[in-house]
Protein backbone atom coordinates (compact mmCIF):
# COMPACT_ATOMS: atom_id res chain seq x y z
CA MET A 1 -3.44 -13.90 -24.81
CA ARG A 2 -2.64 -14.19 -21.26
CA ARG A 3 -0.71 -11.24 -19.72
CA GLU A 4 2.03 -12.04 -17.67
CA GLN A 5 2.39 -9.95 -14.28
CA PRO A 6 5.68 -7.28 -14.81
CA ARG A 7 8.85 -9.06 -14.25
CA MET A 8 10.09 -6.68 -11.59
CA ALA A 9 6.92 -7.60 -9.52
CA ARG A 10 7.77 -11.35 -9.55
CA SER A 11 11.57 -11.32 -8.80
CA PRO A 12 12.84 -13.98 -6.05
CA VAL A 13 14.94 -13.23 -3.25
CA ASP A 14 18.41 -14.79 -3.72
CA ARG A 15 18.52 -17.35 -0.75
CA ARG A 16 22.36 -17.15 -0.93
CA GLY A 17 22.59 -13.18 0.31
CA GLY A 18 19.00 -12.21 0.47
CA ARG A 19 19.18 -9.90 -2.66
CA PRO A 20 16.40 -9.98 -5.14
CA THR A 21 17.81 -11.97 -8.10
CA LEU A 22 16.66 -10.72 -11.65
CA GLY A 23 15.28 -13.55 -13.58
CA GLY A 24 14.23 -17.09 -13.66
CA GLY A 25 10.86 -17.99 -12.43
CA VAL A 26 8.86 -17.48 -9.26
CA GLY A 27 10.65 -17.26 -6.02
CA ARG A 28 9.40 -18.13 -2.62
CA TRP A 29 9.11 -14.54 -1.31
CA ARG A 30 7.21 -13.35 -4.30
CA PRO A 31 4.53 -11.71 -2.70
CA PHE A 32 6.91 -9.39 -0.62
CA LEU A 33 6.78 -6.49 -2.46
CA LEU A 34 9.13 -7.15 -3.53
CA ILE A 35 11.55 -5.61 -4.61
CA VAL A 36 9.47 -4.47 -7.27
CA VAL A 37 11.39 -1.00 -6.74
CA ALA A 38 14.97 -2.88 -6.96
CA VAL A 39 14.47 -4.59 -10.18
CA VAL A 40 12.49 -1.95 -12.40
CA ALA A 41 15.66 0.09 -12.97
CA VAL A 42 17.24 -2.88 -14.55
CA ALA A 43 13.98 -4.17 -16.32
CA CYS A 44 13.84 -0.52 -17.94
CA GLY A 45 17.30 -1.05 -19.36
CA GLY A 46 18.75 1.89 -17.34
CA GLU A 47 19.16 3.96 -14.30
CA SER A 48 16.01 5.95 -12.85
CA SER A 49 16.31 9.85 -13.59
CA PRO A 50 15.85 12.10 -10.94
CA SER A 51 12.01 12.54 -9.96
CA ALA A 52 9.79 15.12 -10.81
CA PRO A 53 6.89 16.46 -8.53
CA ALA A 54 3.90 14.01 -8.45
CA SER A 55 1.27 15.06 -10.66
CA PRO A 56 -2.11 13.19 -9.40
CA SER A 57 -4.82 12.62 -12.05
CA VAL A 58 -8.23 11.28 -11.46
CA THR A 59 -9.09 8.46 -13.99
CA THR A 60 -12.52 7.52 -13.05
CA GLY A 61 -15.47 9.34 -11.10
CA GLY A 62 -16.91 8.39 -7.90
CA SER A 63 -16.89 9.63 -4.27
CA PRO A 64 -15.69 7.77 -1.08
CA VAL A 65 -18.31 6.00 0.81
CA ALA A 66 -18.24 7.02 4.68
CA GLY A 67 -17.15 4.29 6.73
CA GLU A 68 -15.80 2.15 3.98
CA GLY A 69 -12.49 3.41 3.51
CA GLN A 70 -10.35 3.44 0.20
CA ILE A 71 -7.76 0.71 -1.03
CA VAL A 72 -4.36 2.21 -2.15
CA PHE A 73 -2.33 -0.25 -4.44
CA GLU A 74 0.54 -0.30 -6.94
CA ARG A 75 0.07 -0.23 -10.86
CA GLY A 76 2.91 -1.60 -13.32
CA THR A 77 3.30 -1.79 -16.70
CA PRO A 78 4.29 -4.89 -18.08
CA PRO A 79 7.39 -4.98 -20.42
CA GLU A 80 5.41 -5.94 -23.58
CA LEU A 81 3.26 -2.94 -23.05
CA GLY A 82 6.06 -0.24 -22.60
CA PRO A 83 9.04 0.81 -20.25
CA PRO A 84 8.07 -1.01 -17.01
CA LYS A 85 6.77 1.88 -14.59
CA ILE A 86 5.43 1.43 -10.84
CA ASP A 87 3.25 4.18 -9.41
CA ILE A 88 0.65 4.37 -6.92
CA TYR A 89 -3.01 4.70 -7.19
CA VAL A 90 -6.03 5.08 -4.64
CA MET A 91 -9.63 3.97 -5.62
CA ASN A 92 -12.96 3.90 -3.33
CA ALA A 93 -13.88 0.44 -1.99
CA ASP A 94 -16.12 -0.39 -4.77
CA GLY A 95 -13.44 0.37 -7.44
CA THR A 96 -14.71 3.93 -8.29
CA GLY A 97 -12.83 7.14 -7.86
CA LEU A 98 -9.47 6.01 -9.26
CA THR A 99 -6.86 8.33 -8.54
CA GLN A 100 -3.12 8.50 -9.45
CA LEU A 101 -1.10 9.47 -6.35
CA THR A 102 2.67 9.45 -7.61
CA ASP A 103 4.20 9.79 -11.11
CA ASP A 104 7.79 9.59 -10.65
CA PRO A 105 10.75 8.31 -13.14
CA ALA A 106 11.42 5.99 -10.28
CA PRO A 107 9.24 2.90 -9.24
CA GLU A 108 7.23 3.40 -6.43
CA GLY A 109 5.17 0.56 -4.51
CA GLY A 110 4.47 -1.25 -1.31
CA PRO A 111 1.93 1.44 0.04
CA SER A 112 1.00 1.54 3.86
CA TRP A 113 -1.85 3.69 5.05
CA SER A 114 -1.35 5.67 8.48
CA PRO A 115 -3.85 4.63 11.01
CA ASP A 116 -5.62 7.87 10.74
CA GLY A 117 -5.71 7.77 7.17
CA THR A 118 -4.06 10.96 6.53
CA GLN A 119 -0.41 9.36 5.28
CA ILE A 120 0.64 6.74 3.19
CA ALA A 121 4.10 5.23 3.60
CA PHE A 122 5.83 3.42 0.30
CA SER A 123 9.27 2.60 -1.15
CA ARG A 124 10.74 4.61 -3.93
CA ASP A 125 13.53 3.18 -5.98
CA ARG A 126 16.34 5.66 -7.20
CA GLU A 127 19.32 4.18 -8.90
CA GLY A 128 18.61 0.61 -7.65
CA ASN A 129 18.22 1.68 -3.87
CA PRO A 130 14.76 1.59 -2.82
CA GLU A 131 14.08 3.88 0.33
CA ILE A 132 11.11 4.51 2.74
CA TYR A 133 8.81 7.73 1.86
CA VAL A 134 5.81 9.09 3.13
CA MET A 135 3.36 11.34 1.62
CA ASN A 136 -0.05 12.84 2.54
CA ALA A 137 -3.21 10.72 1.36
CA ASP A 138 -3.55 12.91 -1.82
CA GLY A 139 0.14 12.15 -2.93
CA SER A 140 1.26 15.80 -1.80
CA GLY A 141 3.94 16.45 0.66
CA VAL A 142 6.40 13.62 -0.04
CA ARG A 143 9.35 13.30 2.46
CA GLN A 144 11.98 10.54 2.67
CA LEU A 145 12.22 8.80 5.99
CA THR A 146 15.24 6.27 5.21
CA ASP A 147 18.52 6.89 3.77
CA ASP A 148 20.98 3.83 3.72
CA PRO A 149 22.97 1.95 1.20
CA ASP A 150 20.92 -1.04 1.63
CA LEU A 151 17.29 -1.65 0.43
CA ASP A 152 14.43 -0.47 2.54
CA VAL A 153 11.15 -1.87 1.74
CA ASN A 154 7.42 -2.99 2.96
CA PRO A 155 6.73 -0.21 5.44
CA ALA A 156 4.10 -0.96 8.14
CA TRP A 157 2.56 1.78 10.27
CA SER A 158 1.89 0.82 14.31
CA PRO A 159 -1.66 1.17 15.12
CA ASP A 160 -0.81 4.46 17.33
CA GLY A 161 0.97 5.80 14.27
CA THR A 162 4.20 6.48 16.13
CA ARG A 163 6.17 3.99 14.48
CA ILE A 164 6.86 2.28 11.19
CA ALA A 165 8.26 -1.52 10.88
CA PHE A 166 9.99 -2.02 7.66
CA ASN A 167 12.04 -4.88 5.97
CA SER A 168 15.82 -3.84 5.21
CA TRP A 169 18.89 -5.61 4.02
CA ARG A 170 21.25 -3.37 6.33
CA PRO A 171 24.09 -3.93 6.88
CA GLY A 172 25.28 -5.26 3.75
CA ALA A 173 23.74 -7.91 1.73
CA GLY A 174 22.38 -10.45 4.28
CA PRO A 175 18.93 -11.63 4.30
CA PRO A 176 16.04 -9.13 4.94
CA GLU A 177 15.31 -8.31 8.37
CA ILE A 178 12.82 -6.36 10.12
CA TYR A 179 13.58 -3.19 11.70
CA VAL A 180 11.27 -0.41 13.16
CA MET A 181 11.36 3.29 13.33
CA ASN A 182 9.86 6.12 14.59
CA ALA A 183 7.38 7.79 11.93
CA ASP A 184 9.76 10.43 11.05
CA GLY A 185 12.44 8.21 10.22
CA SER A 186 14.70 8.59 13.69
CA GLY A 187 15.37 5.72 16.20
CA VAL A 188 15.76 2.97 13.79
CA ARG A 189 16.17 -0.42 15.67
CA GLN A 190 16.61 -3.87 14.23
CA LEU A 191 14.10 -6.35 15.64
CA THR A 192 14.93 -9.67 13.80
CA ASP A 193 18.75 -10.88 13.62
CA GLY A 194 19.54 -14.22 11.93
CA PRO A 195 20.39 -16.19 8.82
CA ALA A 196 17.06 -16.39 7.67
CA ALA A 197 14.78 -13.97 5.71
CA ASP A 198 12.22 -12.17 8.30
CA VAL A 199 9.51 -10.31 5.97
CA ASN A 200 6.49 -8.75 5.65
CA PRO A 201 5.95 -7.19 9.02
CA ALA A 202 2.27 -6.71 10.14
CA TRP A 203 1.26 -5.08 13.54
CA SER A 204 -1.45 -6.54 15.90
CA LEU A 205 -4.51 -4.18 16.81
CA ASP A 206 -3.25 -2.98 19.89
CA GLY A 207 0.51 -2.74 18.80
CA THR A 208 1.87 -5.18 21.12
CA HIS A 209 2.74 -8.08 18.39
CA ILE A 210 4.28 -8.29 14.91
CA ALA A 211 3.47 -11.20 12.46
CA PHE A 212 5.88 -11.82 9.91
CA SER A 213 6.91 -14.40 7.23
CA SER A 214 10.18 -16.40 7.87
CA ASP A 215 12.14 -19.50 6.72
CA ARG A 216 14.07 -19.44 9.64
CA GLU A 217 13.48 -23.34 10.11
CA GLY A 218 13.63 -24.14 6.24
CA ASN A 219 10.28 -23.21 4.91
CA PRO A 220 8.49 -19.81 4.93
CA GLU A 221 6.05 -19.66 7.56
CA ILE A 222 3.80 -17.22 9.49
CA TYR A 223 5.48 -16.42 13.06
CA VAL A 224 4.42 -13.73 15.35
CA MET A 225 6.74 -11.55 18.03
CA ASN A 226 6.48 -9.03 20.66
CA ALA A 227 6.80 -5.63 19.22
CA ASP A 228 10.55 -5.07 20.72
CA GLY A 229 11.42 -8.34 18.62
CA SER A 230 11.32 -10.91 21.56
CA GLY A 231 9.08 -13.84 22.19
CA VAL A 232 9.11 -15.28 18.57
CA THR A 233 6.27 -17.84 18.08
CA ARG A 234 5.61 -19.94 14.93
CA LEU A 235 1.97 -20.01 13.80
CA THR A 236 1.94 -22.23 11.05
CA ASP A 237 3.95 -25.61 10.42
CA THR A 238 3.33 -26.70 6.58
CA SER A 239 5.72 -28.18 3.88
CA THR A 240 4.91 -25.28 1.35
CA PRO A 241 5.12 -21.71 1.83
CA ASP A 242 2.66 -19.95 4.09
CA GLU A 243 3.14 -15.78 3.94
CA VAL A 244 2.03 -12.23 3.70
CA PRO A 245 0.05 -12.34 7.15
CA THR A 246 -2.30 -9.41 7.85
CA TRP A 247 -4.27 -8.94 11.11
CA SER A 248 -7.97 -8.40 11.18
CA PRO A 249 -9.27 -5.33 12.60
CA ASP A 250 -10.47 -6.79 15.78
CA GLY A 251 -6.96 -8.60 16.10
CA THR A 252 -8.89 -11.95 16.50
CA ARG A 253 -7.73 -13.27 13.23
CA ILE A 254 -4.78 -13.44 10.48
CA ALA A 255 -5.17 -13.63 6.73
CA PHE A 256 -2.49 -15.06 5.02
CA VAL A 257 -1.34 -16.42 1.64
CA SER A 258 -0.43 -20.50 1.62
CA HIS A 259 0.72 -22.97 -1.15
CA ARG A 260 -0.31 -25.66 0.96
CA ASP A 261 -3.16 -26.98 -1.62
CA GLY A 262 -0.99 -26.22 -4.53
CA ASN A 263 -0.96 -22.80 -5.93
CA PRO A 264 -0.96 -19.64 -3.73
CA GLN A 265 -4.44 -19.19 -2.08
CA ILE A 266 -5.87 -17.07 0.65
CA TYR A 267 -6.44 -18.48 3.93
CA VAL A 268 -7.41 -17.17 7.29
CA MET A 269 -6.64 -18.60 10.73
CA ASN A 270 -7.25 -17.47 14.64
CA ALA A 271 -4.41 -15.32 15.92
CA ASP A 272 -3.07 -18.21 17.79
CA GLY A 273 -2.76 -20.23 14.66
CA SER A 274 -5.58 -22.45 15.11
CA GLY A 275 -8.86 -22.92 13.09
CA VAL A 276 -6.89 -22.67 9.51
CA THR A 277 -9.85 -21.97 6.93
CA ARG A 278 -9.22 -21.66 3.19
CA LEU A 279 -11.04 -18.58 1.54
CA THR A 280 -10.07 -18.90 -2.14
CA ASP A 281 -10.21 -21.97 -4.28
CA THR A 282 -8.95 -21.48 -7.98
CA SER A 283 -6.20 -22.75 -10.37
CA THR A 284 -4.57 -19.28 -10.18
CA ARG A 285 -2.62 -17.29 -8.09
CA GLU A 286 -4.62 -15.57 -5.22
CA GLU A 287 -2.54 -13.21 -3.01
CA VAL A 288 -1.68 -10.03 -0.93
CA PRO A 289 -4.89 -9.85 1.22
CA THR A 290 -6.06 -6.81 2.99
CA TRP A 291 -8.78 -6.50 5.59
CA SER A 292 -11.63 -3.64 5.29
CA PRO A 293 -11.91 -1.51 8.17
CA ASP A 294 -14.94 -3.43 9.63
CA GLY A 295 -13.40 -6.98 9.20
CA THR A 296 -16.59 -7.94 6.91
CA ARG A 297 -14.46 -7.96 3.59
CA ILE A 298 -11.03 -8.75 2.29
CA ALA A 299 -9.36 -7.42 -0.86
CA PHE A 300 -6.87 -9.26 -2.79
CA VAL A 301 -4.71 -9.66 -5.83
CA SER A 302 -6.05 -12.38 -8.33
CA HIS A 303 -4.57 -13.96 -11.35
CA ARG A 304 -8.10 -15.54 -12.30
CA ASP A 305 -8.74 -13.16 -15.54
CA GLY A 306 -5.29 -13.47 -16.73
CA ASN A 307 -3.77 -10.14 -15.47
CA PRO A 308 -3.02 -9.44 -11.95
CA GLU A 309 -6.16 -7.30 -10.85
CA ILE A 310 -7.66 -6.35 -7.46
CA TYR A 311 -10.75 -8.23 -6.27
CA VAL A 312 -12.83 -8.02 -2.97
CA MET A 313 -14.57 -11.10 -1.12
CA ASN A 314 -16.69 -11.04 2.00
CA ALA A 315 -14.56 -12.39 4.95
CA ASP A 316 -15.75 -15.78 4.70
CA GLY A 317 -14.49 -16.21 0.84
CA SER A 318 -18.03 -15.58 -0.66
CA GLY A 319 -19.17 -12.80 -2.85
CA VAL A 320 -16.03 -12.05 -5.18
CA THR A 321 -16.13 -8.92 -6.82
CA ARG A 322 -13.45 -7.50 -9.27
CA LEU A 323 -12.55 -4.07 -8.48
CA THR A 324 -9.94 -3.16 -11.29
CA ASP A 325 -9.78 -3.96 -15.10
CA ASP A 326 -6.45 -2.55 -16.48
CA PRO A 327 -3.93 -4.01 -19.11
CA ASP A 328 -1.27 -3.10 -16.18
CA ALA A 329 -0.79 -5.23 -13.41
CA ASP A 330 -2.53 -3.97 -10.04
CA TYR A 331 -0.63 -5.29 -6.87
CA TYR A 332 -0.30 -4.90 -3.21
CA PRO A 333 -3.73 -3.64 -2.25
CA LYS A 334 -3.90 -2.02 1.43
CA TRP A 335 -7.36 -0.89 2.75
CA SER A 336 -7.82 2.40 4.51
CA PRO A 337 -8.91 2.81 8.06
CA ALA A 338 -12.51 4.06 7.91
CA THR A 339 -11.22 7.59 8.83
CA ALA A 340 -9.63 8.01 5.65
CA PRO A 341 -10.61 10.83 3.39
């Protein structure tokens, strides 16, 4: 029987106020981590209890291959298999060496590597209010960076490691905007401001630009702006959603998810929006791409085998290989720098 992805990872964003809704189909911003953390407590039928220290556990063997980096991702339990729970895992680029990094009663997701591969930023939801945390690459040393009454999710490190861009609903219940802060959580600044949802910030290689998804002109499209929020330029222009951009390591290309040919598939384009090429072609959802450190491969989430799992393919769409195979839903992969331990 086909297993559906956990409800908490599918929640759409309410276009009236930007808050996640709790039911009813797949929303336009589904790949935007989505508020996995904001909905889990409700899906579990109660509030999150105070957390205990993480107890990392290795579940498969294997050692990292030099230069290939590792892939961090979130794994969530579907409701039909037990109380929904989301934790963060890491594995080698070939799918071996699976290690659980977090084991907290509160849902945790949306991991993002620091550029030196020594730390991972992520969101943790306690009592329905996700905040951004950072931990060492082995799951130790968890530290809270944000503390706001509104939702803070989707952290993304700058290439020099000094700043973290993220999404927040502050102030109040307006649509999500893009903010940036110092890597220690200080100096929070708002970069986007308007009636639209601006989500999925992704830094360019040189740290001067941020690509993101926005529905500011009615339909979710890919935009790019200067790192200070100025100079916004639209890169895609279709009648269906384009979302979840991610820069190639050399800064010349952007992979993203588009619905332009029906169901969500993975595409790539030049950094100026030209040369759009479709990489996946299936009848199921293909989403959340992330580049390998050398730019030759792309890891992504696919539903082609009935359950959200992580796959990898060559940068031209060939050579698709499945990396995970678990009853739980594997989502939001992020490939580490080649220097990750």
